[in-house]
């Protein structure tokens, strides 16, 4: 009689995301384009390349941090 019931599972693990990212894209760069991309990424100060690409695609404003060696060598 009770054989057909599945055992209850615990609520362990990570909670599910509300808005999951289902769509992914890939892009290929030439050596010159890759160098330009890395320069722009490093100037942006963002921590991940994915966040940088997303900001650029959707037109978000990003900041450019420029520092000279003189400023850091006090």
N, C-alpha and C. Protein backbone atom coordinates (compact mmCIF):
# COMPACT_ATOMS: atom_id res chain seq x y z
N UNK A 1 0.82 -1.18 0.00
CA UNK A 1 0.00 0.00 0.00
C UNK A 1 0.87 1.25 0.00
N UNK A 2 1.90 1.31 0.83
CA UNK A 2 2.79 2.46 0.92
C UNK A 2 3.99 2.36 -0.01
N UNK A 3 4.10 1.32 -0.78
CA UNK A 3 5.27 1.09 -1.62
C UNK A 3 5.33 2.07 -2.79
N UNK A 4 4.24 2.59 -3.26
CA UNK A 4 4.21 3.46 -4.43
C UNK A 4 4.60 4.90 -4.12
N UNK A 5 4.61 5.28 -2.87
CA UNK A 5 4.95 6.65 -2.50
C UNK A 5 6.46 6.85 -2.55
N UNK A 6 6.88 7.95 -3.10
CA UNK A 6 8.30 8.29 -3.13
C UNK A 6 8.71 8.88 -1.79
N UNK A 7 9.93 8.64 -1.35
CA UNK A 7 10.35 9.24 -0.07
C UNK A 7 10.45 10.76 -0.21
N UNK A 8 10.17 11.45 0.88
CA UNK A 8 10.25 12.91 0.88
C UNK A 8 11.71 13.34 0.82
N UNK A 9 11.96 14.33 0.02
CA UNK A 9 13.31 14.85 -0.08
C UNK A 9 13.44 16.10 0.77
N UNK A 10 14.63 16.32 1.29
CA UNK A 10 14.87 17.50 2.10
C UNK A 10 14.98 18.75 1.24
N UNK A 11 15.07 19.89 1.87
CA UNK A 11 15.19 21.15 1.16
C UNK A 11 16.64 21.61 1.12
N UNK A 12 17.55 20.68 0.93
CA UNK A 12 18.96 21.02 0.88
C UNK A 12 19.32 21.66 -0.46
N UNK A 13 20.49 22.29 -0.50
CA UNK A 13 20.97 22.88 -1.74
C UNK A 13 20.64 24.34 -1.88
N UNK A 14 20.98 24.86 -3.01
CA UNK A 14 20.79 26.27 -3.29
C UNK A 14 19.34 26.56 -3.66
N UNK A 15 18.78 27.68 -3.19
CA UNK A 15 17.41 28.02 -3.58
C UNK A 15 17.37 28.40 -5.07
N UNK A 16 16.30 28.09 -5.77
CA UNK A 16 16.22 28.41 -7.20
C UNK A 16 16.19 29.91 -7.45
N UNK A 17 16.80 30.32 -8.55
CA UNK A 17 16.80 31.74 -8.93
C UNK A 17 15.43 32.13 -9.46
N UNK A 18 15.07 33.39 -9.25
CA UNK A 18 13.78 33.88 -9.72
C UNK A 18 13.81 34.13 -11.23
N UNK A 19 14.87 34.80 -11.69
CA UNK A 19 14.99 35.15 -13.11
C UNK A 19 16.30 34.56 -13.63
N UNK A 20 16.26 33.33 -14.10
CA UNK A 20 17.49 32.68 -14.54
C UNK A 20 17.88 33.15 -15.94
N UNK A 21 19.16 33.16 -16.22
CA UNK A 21 19.66 33.54 -17.54
C UNK A 21 19.66 32.30 -18.42
N UNK A 22 18.70 32.20 -19.31
CA UNK A 22 18.55 31.03 -20.17
C UNK A 22 19.29 31.18 -21.49
N UNK A 23 19.52 32.40 -21.91
CA UNK A 23 20.06 32.64 -23.25
C UNK A 23 21.53 33.03 -23.16
N UNK A 24 22.36 32.35 -23.92
CA UNK A 24 23.79 32.63 -23.92
C UNK A 24 24.26 32.84 -25.35
N UNK A 25 25.26 33.69 -25.52
CA UNK A 25 25.80 34.01 -26.83
C UNK A 25 27.31 33.86 -26.82
N UNK A 26 27.87 33.67 -27.99
CA UNK A 26 29.31 33.53 -28.13
C UNK A 26 29.78 34.52 -29.19
N UNK A 27 30.97 35.05 -28.99
CA UNK A 27 31.52 36.01 -29.94
C UNK A 27 33.00 35.67 -30.15
N UNK A 28 33.48 35.85 -31.36
CA UNK A 28 34.88 35.59 -31.69
C UNK A 28 35.55 36.90 -32.08
N UNK A 29 36.75 37.13 -31.56
CA UNK A 29 37.51 38.34 -31.84
C UNK A 29 38.78 38.01 -32.61
N UNK A 30 39.19 38.93 -33.45
CA UNK A 30 40.52 38.83 -34.04
C UNK A 30 41.51 39.28 -32.97
N UNK A 31 42.79 39.13 -33.23
CA UNK A 31 43.81 39.51 -32.24
C UNK A 31 43.73 41.01 -31.93
N UNK A 32 43.51 41.82 -32.96
CA UNK A 32 43.42 43.27 -32.77
C UNK A 32 42.18 43.65 -31.96
N UNK A 33 41.04 43.04 -32.31
CA UNK A 33 39.80 43.32 -31.58
C UNK A 33 39.90 42.86 -30.13
N UNK A 34 40.56 41.72 -29.91
CA UNK A 34 40.72 41.20 -28.55
C UNK A 34 41.56 42.15 -27.70
N UNK A 35 42.60 42.71 -28.29
CA UNK A 35 43.44 43.67 -27.56
C UNK A 35 42.63 44.91 -27.19
N UNK A 36 41.82 45.40 -28.13
CA UNK A 36 40.96 46.56 -27.86
C UNK A 36 39.95 46.24 -26.77
N UNK A 37 39.36 45.04 -26.83
CA UNK A 37 38.38 44.63 -25.83
C UNK A 37 39.02 44.59 -24.44
N UNK A 38 40.19 43.98 -24.33
CA UNK A 38 40.85 43.89 -23.02
C UNK A 38 41.22 45.27 -22.48
N UNK A 39 41.64 46.17 -23.35
CA UNK A 39 41.96 47.53 -22.91
C UNK A 39 40.71 48.22 -22.35
N UNK A 40 39.60 48.12 -23.07
CA UNK A 40 38.36 48.74 -22.61
C UNK A 40 37.88 48.09 -21.32
N UNK A 41 38.01 46.77 -21.21
CA UNK A 41 37.59 46.05 -20.00
C UNK A 41 38.42 46.49 -18.80
N UNK A 42 39.72 46.57 -18.95
CA UNK A 42 40.59 46.97 -17.85
C UNK A 42 40.32 48.41 -17.41
N UNK A 43 40.00 49.28 -18.35
CA UNK A 43 39.70 50.68 -18.02
C UNK A 43 38.36 50.81 -17.30
N UNK A 44 37.46 49.87 -17.52
CA UNK A 44 36.13 49.98 -16.93
C UNK A 44 36.13 49.77 -15.42
N UNK A 45 37.04 48.94 -14.93
CA UNK A 45 37.08 48.67 -13.50
C UNK A 45 36.08 47.63 -13.03
N UNK A 46 35.33 47.02 -13.95
CA UNK A 46 34.38 45.98 -13.56
C UNK A 46 35.12 44.70 -13.22
N UNK A 47 34.50 43.86 -12.42
CA UNK A 47 35.16 42.65 -11.95
C UNK A 47 35.02 41.46 -12.89
N UNK A 48 34.02 41.46 -13.76
CA UNK A 48 33.84 40.33 -14.68
C UNK A 48 33.65 40.83 -16.11
N UNK A 49 34.16 40.05 -17.04
CA UNK A 49 34.01 40.41 -18.45
C UNK A 49 32.55 40.32 -18.88
N UNK A 50 31.80 39.38 -18.31
CA UNK A 50 30.39 39.24 -18.65
C UNK A 50 29.61 40.50 -18.28
N UNK A 51 29.87 41.05 -17.11
CA UNK A 51 29.19 42.28 -16.69
C UNK A 51 29.58 43.44 -17.60
N UNK A 52 30.85 43.48 -18.02
CA UNK A 52 31.31 44.54 -18.92
C UNK A 52 30.61 44.44 -20.27
N UNK A 53 30.53 43.24 -20.83
CA UNK A 53 29.88 43.06 -22.14
C UNK A 53 28.40 43.43 -22.03
N UNK A 54 27.75 43.00 -20.98
CA UNK A 54 26.33 43.29 -20.79
C UNK A 54 26.09 44.80 -20.69
N UNK A 55 26.96 45.50 -19.97
CA UNK A 55 26.82 46.95 -19.84
C UNK A 55 27.02 47.65 -21.18
N UNK A 56 27.97 47.17 -21.96
CA UNK A 56 28.23 47.79 -23.26
C UNK A 56 27.09 47.52 -24.23
N UNK A 57 26.54 46.32 -24.23
CA UNK A 57 25.47 45.98 -25.16
C UNK A 57 24.21 46.78 -24.87
N UNK A 58 23.87 46.93 -23.60
CA UNK A 58 22.64 47.62 -23.24
C UNK A 58 22.84 49.10 -22.97
N UNK A 59 24.03 49.62 -23.24
CA UNK A 59 24.27 51.06 -23.17
C UNK A 59 24.41 51.63 -21.77
N UNK A 60 24.70 50.81 -20.78
CA UNK A 60 24.91 51.32 -19.43
C UNK A 60 26.19 52.15 -19.40
N UNK A 61 26.19 53.14 -18.55
CA UNK A 61 27.37 53.98 -18.39
C UNK A 61 28.40 53.22 -17.57
N UNK A 62 29.64 53.24 -18.00
CA UNK A 62 30.68 52.61 -17.20
C UNK A 62 31.77 53.64 -16.98
N UNK A 63 32.50 53.45 -15.91
CA UNK A 63 33.50 54.43 -15.52
C UNK A 63 34.87 53.98 -16.00
N UNK A 64 35.71 54.95 -16.26
CA UNK A 64 37.09 54.69 -16.66
C UNK A 64 37.99 55.24 -15.56
N UNK A 65 38.83 54.39 -15.02
CA UNK A 65 39.74 54.79 -13.96
C UNK A 65 41.14 54.89 -14.55
N UNK A 66 41.72 56.07 -14.45
CA UNK A 66 43.08 56.27 -14.94
C UNK A 66 43.95 56.69 -13.76
N UNK A 67 45.05 56.00 -13.59
CA UNK A 67 45.96 56.32 -12.50
C UNK A 67 47.38 56.38 -13.05
N UNK A 68 48.14 57.31 -12.55
CA UNK A 68 49.52 57.42 -12.97
C UNK A 68 50.42 56.79 -11.92
N UNK A 69 51.59 56.39 -12.34
CA UNK A 69 52.54 55.76 -11.41
C UNK A 69 53.00 56.76 -10.35
N UNK A 70 53.05 58.04 -10.70
CA UNK A 70 53.49 59.07 -9.75
C UNK A 70 52.56 59.16 -8.55
N UNK A 71 51.27 58.98 -8.81
CA UNK A 71 50.28 59.08 -7.74
C UNK A 71 50.46 57.96 -6.72
N UNK A 72 50.83 56.78 -7.16
CA UNK A 72 50.94 55.64 -6.27
C UNK A 72 52.30 55.56 -5.59
N UNK A 73 53.30 56.25 -6.13
CA UNK A 73 54.63 56.25 -5.53
C UNK A 73 54.81 57.52 -4.71
N UNK A 74 54.22 57.55 -3.54
CA UNK A 74 54.27 58.75 -2.71
C UNK A 74 55.52 58.86 -1.99
